[in-house]
Amino acid sequence: PFISIVTAFFPARKLGIIIRVSKAYSIKKGDELIPT
């Protein structure tokens, strides 16, 4: 359990999380957005 927690702790400290939505074209009502 200690090994398991350590291997999760270090990535959690350094992870970079990014959210974006493509705006390559005008999105119309009923279209599908693709947040990434």
PDB file of all heavy atoms in Angstrom:
ATOM      1  N   PRO A   1       0.812  -1.235   0.000  1.00  0.00           N
ATOM      2  CA  PRO A   1       0.000   0.000   0.000  1.00  0.00           C
ATOM      3  C   PRO A   1       0.832   1.265   0.000  1.00  0.00           C
ATOM      4  O   PRO A   1       0.479   2.246  -0.662  1.00  0.00           O
ATOM      5  CB  PRO A   1      -0.827  -0.126   1.286  1.00  0.00           C
ATOM      6  CG  PRO A   1      -0.906  -1.580   1.535  1.00  0.00           C
ATOM      7  CD  PRO A   1       0.406  -2.129   1.093  1.00  0.00           C
ATOM      8  N   PHE A   2       1.968   1.264   0.718  1.00  0.00           N
ATOM      9  CA  PHE A   2       2.825   2.444   0.741  1.00  0.00           C
ATOM     10  C   PHE A   2       3.454   2.685  -0.635  1.00  0.00           C
ATOM     11  O   PHE A   2       3.545   3.823  -1.105  1.00  0.00           O
ATOM     12  CB  PHE A   2       3.918   2.285   1.808  1.00  0.00           C
ATOM     13  CG  PHE A   2       3.371   2.167   3.199  1.00  0.00           C
ATOM     14  CD1 PHE A   2       3.200   0.917   3.790  1.00  0.00           C
ATOM     15  CD2 PHE A   2       3.025   3.295   3.923  1.00  0.00           C
ATOM     16  CE1 PHE A   2       2.694   0.804   5.081  1.00  0.00           C
ATOM     17  CE2 PHE A   2       2.529   3.195   5.217  1.00  0.00           C
ATOM     18  CZ  PHE A   2       2.352   1.948   5.790  1.00  0.00           C
ATOM     19  N   ILE A   3       3.876   1.598  -1.286  1.00  0.00           N
ATOM     20  CA  ILE A   3       4.441   1.721  -2.639  1.00  0.00           C
ATOM     21  C   ILE A   3       3.376   2.248  -3.601  1.00  0.00           C
ATOM     22  O   ILE A   3       3.630   3.108  -4.450  1.00  0.00           O
ATOM     23  CB  ILE A   3       4.982   0.357  -3.118  1.00  0.00           C
ATOM     24  CG1 ILE A   3       6.102  -0.121  -2.193  1.00  0.00           C
ATOM     25  CG2 ILE A   3       5.464   0.447  -4.558  1.00  0.00           C
ATOM     26  CD1 ILE A   3       6.576  -1.537  -2.489  1.00  0.00           C
ATOM     27  N   SER A   4       2.167   1.712  -3.458  1.00  0.00           N
ATOM     28  CA  SER A   4       1.070   2.116  -4.338  1.00  0.00           C
ATOM     29  C   SER A   4       0.757   3.605  -4.195  1.00  0.00           C
ATOM     30  O   SER A   4       0.562   4.312  -5.194  1.00  0.00           O
ATOM     31  CB  SER A   4      -0.168   1.276  -4.022  1.00  0.00           C
ATOM     32  OG  SER A   4      -1.265   1.686  -4.791  1.00  0.00           O
ATOM     33  N   ILE A   5       0.736   4.095  -2.950  1.00  0.00           N
ATOM     34  CA  ILE A   5       0.410   5.503  -2.714  1.00  0.00           C
ATOM     35  C   ILE A   5       1.515   6.407  -3.240  1.00  0.00           C
ATOM     36  O   ILE A   5       1.258   7.458  -3.834  1.00  0.00           O
ATOM     37  CB  ILE A   5       0.165   5.747  -1.213  1.00  0.00           C
ATOM     38  CG1 ILE A   5      -1.110   5.021  -0.775  1.00  0.00           C
ATOM     39  CG2 ILE A   5       0.048   7.237  -0.919  1.00  0.00           C
ATOM     40  CD1 ILE A   5      -1.348   5.038   0.715  1.00  0.00           C
ATOM     41  N   VAL A   6       2.777   6.011  -3.043  1.00  0.00           N
ATOM     42  CA  VAL A   6       3.903   6.822  -3.520  1.00  0.00           C
ATOM     43  C   VAL A   6       3.885   6.944  -5.042  1.00  0.00           C
ATOM     44  O   VAL A   6       4.124   8.024  -5.601  1.00  0.00           O
ATOM     45  CB  VAL A   6       5.238   6.216  -3.031  1.00  0.00           C
ATOM     46  CG1 VAL A   6       6.418   6.843  -3.767  1.00  0.00           C
ATOM     47  CG2 VAL A   6       5.392   6.427  -1.538  1.00  0.00           C
ATOM     48  N   THR A   7       3.588   5.848  -5.752  1.00  0.00           N
ATOM     49  CA  THR A   7       3.566   5.888  -7.216  1.00  0.00           C
ATOM     50  C   THR A   7       2.412   6.729  -7.754  1.00  0.00           C
ATOM     51  O   THR A   7       2.434   7.116  -8.924  1.00  0.00           O
ATOM     52  CB  THR A   7       3.454   4.463  -7.787  1.00  0.00           C
ATOM     53  OG1 THR A   7       2.294   3.818  -7.239  1.00  0.00           O
ATOM     54  CG2 THR A   7       4.689   3.647  -7.461  1.00  0.00           C
ATOM     55  N   ALA A   8       1.413   7.011  -6.926  1.00  0.00           N
ATOM     56  CA  ALA A   8       0.345   7.917  -7.340  1.00  0.00           C
ATOM     57  C   ALA A   8       0.617   9.348  -6.898  1.00  0.00           C
ATOM     58  O   ALA A   8       0.213  10.303  -7.572  1.00  0.00           O
ATOM     59  CB  ALA A   8      -0.993   7.448  -6.769  1.00  0.00           C
ATOM     60  N   PHE A   9       1.338   9.510  -5.782  1.00  0.00           N
ATOM     61  CA  PHE A   9       1.576  10.834  -5.226  1.00  0.00           C
ATOM     62  C   PHE A   9       2.458  11.684  -6.137  1.00  0.00           C
ATOM     63  O   PHE A   9       2.141  12.841  -6.421  1.00  0.00           O
ATOM     64  CB  PHE A   9       2.217  10.700  -3.841  1.00  0.00           C
ATOM     65  CG  PHE A   9       2.653  12.007  -3.242  1.00  0.00           C
ATOM     66  CD1 PHE A   9       1.723  12.867  -2.695  1.00  0.00           C
ATOM     67  CD2 PHE A   9       3.992  12.375  -3.245  1.00  0.00           C
ATOM     68  CE1 PHE A   9       2.123  14.079  -2.143  1.00  0.00           C
ATOM     69  CE2 PHE A   9       4.395  13.579  -2.708  1.00  0.00           C
ATOM     70  CZ  PHE A   9       3.456  14.436  -2.146  1.00  0.00           C
ATOM     71  N   PHE A  10       3.555  11.130  -6.621  1.00  0.00           N
ATOM     72  CA  PHE A  10       4.497  11.919  -7.423  1.00  0.00           C
ATOM     73  C   PHE A  10       3.902  12.341  -8.771  1.00  0.00           C
ATOM     74  O   PHE A  10       4.049  13.511  -9.162  1.00  0.00           O
ATOM     75  CB  PHE A  10       5.809  11.162  -7.597  1.00  0.00           C
ATOM     76  CG  PHE A  10       6.651  11.159  -6.358  1.00  0.00           C
ATOM     77  CD1 PHE A  10       6.734  10.040  -5.552  1.00  0.00           C
ATOM     78  CD2 PHE A  10       7.344  12.300  -5.981  1.00  0.00           C
ATOM     79  CE1 PHE A  10       7.503  10.044  -4.403  1.00  0.00           C
ATOM     80  CE2 PHE A  10       8.119  12.315  -4.822  1.00  0.00           C
ATOM     81  CZ  PHE A  10       8.190  11.181  -4.031  1.00  0.00           C
ATOM     82  N   PRO A  11       3.216  11.467  -9.515  1.00  0.00           N
ATOM     83  CA  PRO A  11       2.559  11.968 -10.735  1.00  0.00           C
ATOM     84  C   PRO A  11       1.505  13.033 -10.451  1.00  0.00           C
ATOM     85  O   PRO A  11       1.364  13.995 -11.207  1.00  0.00           O
ATOM     86  CB  PRO A  11       1.931  10.707 -11.343  1.00  0.00           C
ATOM     87  CG  PRO A  11       2.729   9.588 -10.809  1.00  0.00           C
ATOM     88  CD  PRO A  11       3.125  10.004  -9.426  1.00  0.00           C
ATOM     89  N   ALA A  12       0.753  12.867  -9.351  1.00  0.00           N
ATOM     90  CA  ALA A  12      -0.289  13.837  -9.032  1.00  0.00           C
ATOM     91  C   ALA A  12       0.297  15.232  -8.810  1.00  0.00           C
ATOM     92  O   ALA A  12      -0.329  16.244  -9.139  1.00  0.00           O
ATOM     93  CB  ALA A  12      -1.070  13.391  -7.800  1.00  0.00           C
ATOM     94  N   ARG A  13       1.497  15.307  -8.256  1.00  0.00           N
ATOM     95  CA  ARG A  13       2.122  16.608  -8.005  1.00  0.00           C
ATOM     96  C   ARG A  13       2.537  17.306  -9.290  1.00  0.00           C
ATOM     97  O   ARG A  13       2.585  18.534  -9.355  1.00  0.00           O
ATOM     98  CB  ARG A  13       3.360  16.436  -7.115  1.00  0.00           C
ATOM     99  CG  ARG A  13       3.048  16.029  -5.687  1.00  0.00           C
ATOM    100  CD  ARG A  13       4.322  15.963  -4.874  1.00  0.00           C
ATOM    101  NE  ARG A  13       4.892  17.276  -4.614  1.00  0.00           N
ATOM    102  CZ  ARG A  13       6.118  17.471  -4.129  1.00  0.00           C
ATOM    103  NH1 ARG A  13       6.895  16.432  -3.879  1.00  0.00           N
ATOM    104  NH2 ARG A  13       6.547  18.680  -3.886  1.00  0.00           N
ATOM    105  N   LYS A  14       2.840  16.536 -10.331  1.00  0.00           N
ATOM    106  CA  LYS A  14       3.440  17.111 -11.529  1.00  0.00           C
ATOM    107  C   LYS A  14       2.537  17.117 -12.761  1.00  0.00           C
ATOM    108  O   LYS A  14       2.912  17.673 -13.788  1.00  0.00           O
ATOM    109  CB  LYS A  14       4.721  16.329 -11.869  1.00  0.00           C
ATOM    110  CG  LYS A  14       5.857  16.514 -10.880  1.00  0.00           C
ATOM    111  CD  LYS A  14       6.401  17.945 -10.949  1.00  0.00           C
ATOM    112  CE  LYS A  14       7.633  18.127 -10.083  1.00  0.00           C
ATOM    113  NZ  LYS A  14       8.183  19.490 -10.194  1.00  0.00           N
ATOM    114  N   LEU A  15       1.385  16.495 -12.674  1.00  0.00           N
ATOM    115  CA  LEU A  15       0.532  16.403 -13.862  1.00  0.00           C
ATOM    116  C   LEU A  15       0.096  17.788 -14.340  1.00  0.00           C
ATOM    117  O   LEU A  15      -0.235  18.670 -13.552  1.00  0.00           O
ATOM    118  CB  LEU A  15      -0.715  15.569 -13.567  1.00  0.00           C
ATOM    119  CG  LEU A  15      -0.539  14.060 -13.409  1.00  0.00           C
ATOM    120  CD1 LEU A  15      -1.899  13.410 -13.221  1.00  0.00           C
ATOM    121  CD2 LEU A  15       0.158  13.467 -14.608  1.00  0.00           C
ATOM    122  N   GLY A  16       0.064  17.953 -15.655  1.00  0.00           N
ATOM    123  CA  GLY A  16      -0.520  19.138 -16.271  1.00  0.00           C
ATOM    124  C   GLY A  16      -1.777  18.735 -17.021  1.00  0.00           C
ATOM    125  O   GLY A  16      -1.722  17.861 -17.886  1.00  0.00           O
ATOM    126  N   ILE A  17      -2.903  19.348 -16.673  1.00  0.00           N
ATOM    127  CA  ILE A  17      -4.181  19.003 -17.286  1.00  0.00           C
ATOM    128  C   ILE A  17      -4.675  20.204 -18.090  1.00  0.00           C
ATOM    129  O   ILE A  17      -4.742  21.323 -17.570  1.00  0.00           O
ATOM    130  CB  ILE A  17      -5.224  18.597 -16.228  1.00  0.00           C
ATOM    131  CG1 ILE A  17      -4.683  17.453 -15.372  1.00  0.00           C
ATOM    132  CG2 ILE A  17      -6.534  18.190 -16.887  1.00  0.00           C
ATOM    133  CD1 ILE A  17      -5.586  17.065 -14.225  1.00  0.00           C
ATOM    134  N   ILE A  18      -5.006  19.967 -19.347  1.00  0.00           N
ATOM    135  CA  ILE A  18      -5.424  21.038 -20.254  1.00  0.00           C
ATOM    136  C   ILE A  18      -6.785  20.670 -20.837  1.00  0.00           C
ATOM    137  O   ILE A  18      -7.016  19.526 -21.231  1.00  0.00           O
ATOM    138  CB  ILE A  18      -4.402  21.244 -21.387  1.00  0.00           C
ATOM    139  CG1 ILE A  18      -3.032  21.616 -20.808  1.00  0.00           C
ATOM    140  CG2 ILE A  18      -4.871  22.309 -22.360  1.00  0.00           C
ATOM    141  CD1 ILE A  18      -1.927  21.648 -21.840  1.00  0.00           C
ATOM    142  N   ILE A  19      -7.667  21.666 -20.911  1.00  0.00           N
ATOM    143  CA  ILE A  19      -8.955  21.489 -21.579  1.00  0.00           C
ATOM    144  C   ILE A  19      -9.053  22.524 -22.691  1.00  0.00           C
ATOM    145  O   ILE A  19      -8.705  23.685 -22.510  1.00  0.00           O
ATOM    146  CB  ILE A  19     -10.135  21.620 -20.590  1.00  0.00           C
ATOM    147  CG1 ILE A  19     -11.446  21.318 -21.303  1.00  0.00           C
ATOM    148  CG2 ILE A  19     -10.169  22.972 -19.914  1.00  0.00           C
ATOM    149  CD1 ILE A  19     -12.616  21.162 -20.360  1.00  0.00           C
ATOM    150  N   ARG A  20      -9.515  22.106 -23.856  1.00  0.00           N
ATOM    151  CA  ARG A  20      -9.674  23.022 -24.984  1.00  0.00           C
ATOM    152  C   ARG A  20     -10.832  22.568 -25.860  1.00  0.00           C
ATOM    153  O   ARG A  20     -11.227  21.405 -25.843  1.00  0.00           O
ATOM    154  CB  ARG A  20      -8.383  23.109 -25.802  1.00  0.00           C
ATOM    155  CG  ARG A  20      -7.901  21.803 -26.386  1.00  0.00           C
ATOM    156  CD  ARG A  20      -6.790  22.051 -27.416  1.00  0.00           C
ATOM    157  NE  ARG A  20      -5.671  22.755 -26.839  1.00  0.00           N
ATOM    158  CZ  ARG A  20      -4.576  22.169 -26.392  1.00  0.00           C
ATOM    159  NH1 ARG A  20      -4.483  20.835 -26.431  1.00  0.00           N
ATOM    160  NH2 ARG A  20      -3.577  22.857 -25.911  1.00  0.00           N
ATOM    161  N   VAL A  21     -11.360  23.521 -26.619  1.00  0.00           N
ATOM    162  CA  VAL A  21     -12.419  23.234 -27.586  1.00  0.00           C
ATOM    163  C   VAL A  21     -11.985  23.807 -28.919  1.00  0.00           C
ATOM    164  O   VAL A  21     -11.576  24.967 -29.009  1.00  0.00           O
ATOM    165  CB  VAL A  21     -13.769  23.852 -27.160  1.00  0.00           C
ATOM    166  CG1 VAL A  21     -14.841  23.549 -28.201  1.00  0.00           C
ATOM    167  CG2 VAL A  21     -14.197  23.325 -25.805  1.00  0.00           C
ATOM    168  N   SER A  22     -12.045  22.996 -29.950  1.00  0.00           N
ATOM    169  CA  SER A  22     -11.639  23.447 -31.274  1.00  0.00           C
ATOM    170  C   SER A  22     -12.597  24.519 -31.775  1.00  0.00           C
ATOM    171  O   SER A  22     -13.815  24.379 -31.677  1.00  0.00           O
ATOM    172  CB  SER A  22     -11.612  22.267 -32.255  1.00  0.00           C
ATOM    173  OG  SER A  22     -11.344  22.717 -33.564  1.00  0.00           O
ATOM    174  N   LYS A  23     -12.038  25.627 -32.315  1.00  0.00           N
ATOM    175  CA  LYS A  23     -12.851  26.705 -32.879  1.00  0.00           C
ATOM    176  C   LYS A  23     -12.492  26.922 -34.346  1.00  0.00           C
ATOM    177  O   LYS A  23     -12.457  28.038 -34.847  1.00  0.00           O
ATOM    178  CB  LYS A  23     -12.635  27.997 -32.084  1.00  0.00           C
ATOM    179  CG  LYS A  23     -13.064  27.900 -30.629  1.00  0.00           C
ATOM    180  CD  LYS A  23     -12.858  29.219 -29.917  1.00  0.00           C
ATOM    181  CE  LYS A  23     -13.250  29.130 -28.448  1.00  0.00           C
ATOM    182  NZ  LYS A  23     -13.031  30.402 -27.735  1.00  0.00           N
ATOM    183  N   ALA A  24     -12.221  25.842 -35.041  1.00  0.00           N
ATOM    184  CA  ALA A  24     -11.810  25.942 -36.438  1.00  0.00           C
ATOM    185  C   ALA A  24     -12.960  26.385 -37.332  1.00  0.00           C
ATOM    186  O   ALA A  24     -12.744  26.852 -38.439  1.00  0.00           O
ATOM    187  CB  ALA A  24     -11.256  24.605 -36.922  1.00  0.00           C
ATOM    188  N   TYR A  25     -14.192  26.268 -36.867  1.00  0.00           N
ATOM    189  CA  TYR A  25     -15.342  26.655 -37.678  1.00  0.00           C
ATOM    190  C   TYR A  25     -16.446  27.136 -36.749  1.00  0.00           C
ATOM    191  O   TYR A  25     -16.427  26.904 -35.543  1.00  0.00           O
ATOM    192  CB  TYR A  25     -15.835  25.481 -38.523  1.00  0.00           C
ATOM    193  CG  TYR A  25     -16.326  24.308 -37.698  1.00  0.00           C
ATOM    194  CD1 TYR A  25     -17.683  24.149 -37.407  1.00  0.00           C
ATOM    195  CD2 TYR A  25     -15.438  23.377 -37.170  1.00  0.00           C
ATOM    196  CE1 TYR A  25     -18.123  23.093 -36.644  1.00  0.00           C
ATOM    197  CE2 TYR A  25     -15.883  22.308 -36.402  1.00  0.00           C
ATOM    198  CZ  TYR A  25     -17.228  22.174 -36.152  1.00  0.00           C
ATOM    199  OH  TYR A  25     -17.666  21.128 -35.385  1.00  0.00           O
ATOM    200  N   SER A  26     -17.425  27.838 -37.319  1.00  0.00           N
ATOM    201  CA  SER A  26     -18.547  28.315 -36.515  1.00  0.00           C
ATOM    202  C   SER A  26     -19.442  27.143 -36.152  1.00  0.00           C
ATOM    203  O   SER A  26     -19.907  26.414 -37.022  1.00  0.00           O
ATOM    204  CB  SER A  26     -19.334  29.367 -37.303  1.00  0.00           C
ATOM    205  OG  SER A  26     -18.555  30.523 -37.510  1.00  0.00           O
ATOM    206  N   ILE A  27     -19.690  26.977 -34.866  1.00  0.00           N
ATOM    207  CA  ILE A  27     -20.509  25.867 -34.391  1.00  0.00           C
ATOM    208  C   ILE A  27     -21.958  26.321 -34.345  1.00  0.00           C
ATOM    209  O   ILE A  27     -22.277  27.379 -33.803  1.00  0.00           O
ATOM    210  CB  ILE A  27     -20.036  25.419 -33.000  1.00  0.00           C
ATOM    211  CG1 ILE A  27     -18.549  25.054 -33.038  1.00  0.00           C
ATOM    212  CG2 ILE A  27     -20.851  24.237 -32.499  1.00  0.00           C
ATOM    213  CD1 ILE A  27     -17.925  24.838 -31.680  1.00  0.00           C
ATOM    214  N   LYS A  28     -22.830  25.537 -34.935  1.00  0.00           N
ATOM    215  CA  LYS A  28     -24.243  25.869 -35.004  1.00  0.00           C
ATOM    216  C   LYS A  28     -25.043  25.017 -34.024  1.00  0.00           C
ATOM    217  O   LYS A  28     -24.593  23.966 -33.564  1.00  0.00           O
ATOM    218  CB  LYS A  28     -24.775  25.660 -36.423  1.00  0.00           C
ATOM    219  CG  LYS A  28     -23.995  26.386 -37.509  1.00  0.00           C
ATOM    220  CD  LYS A  28     -24.070  27.883 -37.346  1.00  0.00           C
ATOM    221  CE  LYS A  28     -23.329  28.591 -38.486  1.00  0.00           C
ATOM    222  NZ  LYS A  28     -23.334  30.059 -38.316  1.00  0.00           N
ATOM    223  N   LYS A  29     -26.243  25.498 -33.720  1.00  0.00           N
ATOM    224  CA  LYS A  29     -27.147  24.778 -32.833  1.00  0.00           C
ATOM    225  C   LYS A  29     -27.409  23.382 -33.379  1.00  0.00           C
ATOM    226  O   LYS A  29     -27.712  23.207 -34.554  1.00  0.00           O
ATOM    227  CB  LYS A  29     -28.458  25.554 -32.703  1.00  0.00           C
ATOM    228  CG  LYS A  29     -29.487  24.913 -31.804  1.00  0.00           C
ATOM    229  CD  LYS A  29     -30.739  25.767 -31.728  1.00  0.00           C
ATOM    230  CE  LYS A  29     -31.816  25.109 -30.877  1.00  0.00           C
ATOM    231  NZ  LYS A  29     -33.040  25.947 -30.801  1.00  0.00           N
ATOM    232  N   GLY A  30     -27.268  22.377 -32.525  1.00  0.00           N
ATOM    233  CA  GLY A  30     -27.445  20.991 -32.935  1.00  0.00           C
ATOM    234  C   GLY A  30     -26.164  20.303 -33.349  1.00  0.00           C
ATOM    235  O   GLY A  30     -26.147  19.082 -33.507  1.00  0.00           O
ATOM    236  N   ASP A  31     -25.073  21.084 -33.527  1.00  0.00           N
ATOM    237  CA  ASP A  31     -23.783  20.482 -33.876  1.00  0.00           C
ATOM    238  C   ASP A  31     -23.174  19.809 -32.651  1.00  0.00           C
ATOM    239  O   ASP A  31     -23.584  20.034 -31.513  1.00  0.00           O
ATOM    240  CB  ASP A  31     -22.811  21.538 -34.408  1.00  0.00           C
ATOM    241  CG  ASP A  31     -23.180  22.014 -35.798  1.00  0.00           C
ATOM    242  OD1 ASP A  31     -24.082  21.398 -36.405  1.00  0.00           O
ATOM    243  OD2 ASP A  31     -22.591  23.009 -36.269  1.00  0.00           O
ATOM    244  N   GLU A  32     -22.164  19.012 -32.913  1.00  0.00           N
ATOM    245  CA  GLU A  32     -21.457  18.308 -31.841  1.00  0.00           C
ATOM    246  C   GLU A  32     -20.189  19.060 -31.477  1.00  0.00           C
ATOM    247  O   GLU A  32     -19.316  19.279 -32.316  1.00  0.00           O
ATOM    248  CB  GLU A  32     -21.122  16.883 -32.277  1.00  0.00           C
ATOM    249  CG  GLU A  32     -20.628  15.986 -31.162  1.00  0.00           C
ATOM    250  CD  GLU A  32     -20.391  14.558 -31.620  1.00  0.00           C
ATOM    251  OE1 GLU A  32     -19.443  14.349 -32.411  1.00  0.00           O
ATOM    252  OE2 GLU A  32     -21.143  13.664 -31.216  1.00  0.00           O
ATOM    253  N   LEU A  33     -20.112  19.512 -30.231  1.00  0.00           N
ATOM    254  CA  LEU A  33     -18.869  20.090 -29.724  1.00  0.00           C
ATOM    255  C   LEU A  33     -17.903  18.970 -29.377  1.00  0.00           C
ATOM    256  O   LEU A  33     -18.315  17.878 -28.983  1.00  0.00           O
ATOM    257  CB  LEU A  33     -19.137  20.925 -28.475  1.00  0.00           C
ATOM    258  CG  LEU A  33     -20.087  22.115 -28.612  1.00  0.00           C
ATOM    259  CD1 LEU A  33     -20.321  22.739 -27.248  1.00  0.00           C
ATOM    260  CD2 LEU A  33     -19.504  23.148 -29.542  1.00  0.00           C
ATOM    261  N   ILE A  34     -16.622  19.247 -29.513  1.00  0.00           N
ATOM    262  CA  ILE A  34     -15.613  18.233 -29.175  1.00  0.00           C
ATOM    263  C   ILE A  34     -14.625  18.825 -28.183  1.00  0.00           C
ATOM    264  O   ILE A  34     -13.498  19.190 -28.537  1.00  0.00           O
ATOM    265  CB  ILE A  34     -14.884  17.716 -30.444  1.00  0.00           C
ATOM    266  CG1 ILE A  34     -15.865  17.289 -31.512  1.00  0.00           C
ATOM    267  CG2 ILE A  34     -13.967  16.557 -30.070  1.00  0.00           C
ATOM    268  CD1 ILE A  34     -16.679  16.052 -31.136  1.00  0.00           C
ATOM    269  N   PRO A  35     -15.016  18.985 -26.910  1.00  0.00           N
ATOM    270  CA  PRO A  35     -14.013  19.394 -25.914  1.00  0.00           C
ATOM    271  C   PRO A  35     -12.982  18.284 -25.727  1.00  0.00           C
ATOM    272  O   PRO A  35     -13.334  17.096 -25.714  1.00  0.00           O
ATOM    273  CB  PRO A  35     -14.835  19.627 -24.642  1.00  0.00           C
ATOM    274  CG  PRO A  35     -16.089  18.850 -24.839  1.00  0.00           C
ATOM    275  CD  PRO A  35     -16.349  18.821 -26.312  1.00  0.00           C
ATOM    276  N   THR A  36     -11.731  18.663 -25.598  1.00  0.00           N
ATOM    277  CA  THR A  36     -10.630  17.706 -25.490  1.00  0.00           C
ATOM    278  C   THR A  36      -9.889  17.899 -24.178  1.00  0.00           C
ATOM    279  O   THR A  36      -9.562  19.029 -23.799  1.00  0.00           O
ATOM    280  CB  THR A  36      -9.647  17.877 -26.663  1.00  0.00           C
ATOM    281  OG1 THR A  36     -10.356  17.721 -27.905  1.00  0.00           O
ATOM    282  CG2 THR A  36      -8.545  16.837 -26.602  1.00  0.00           C
TER     283      THR A  36
END
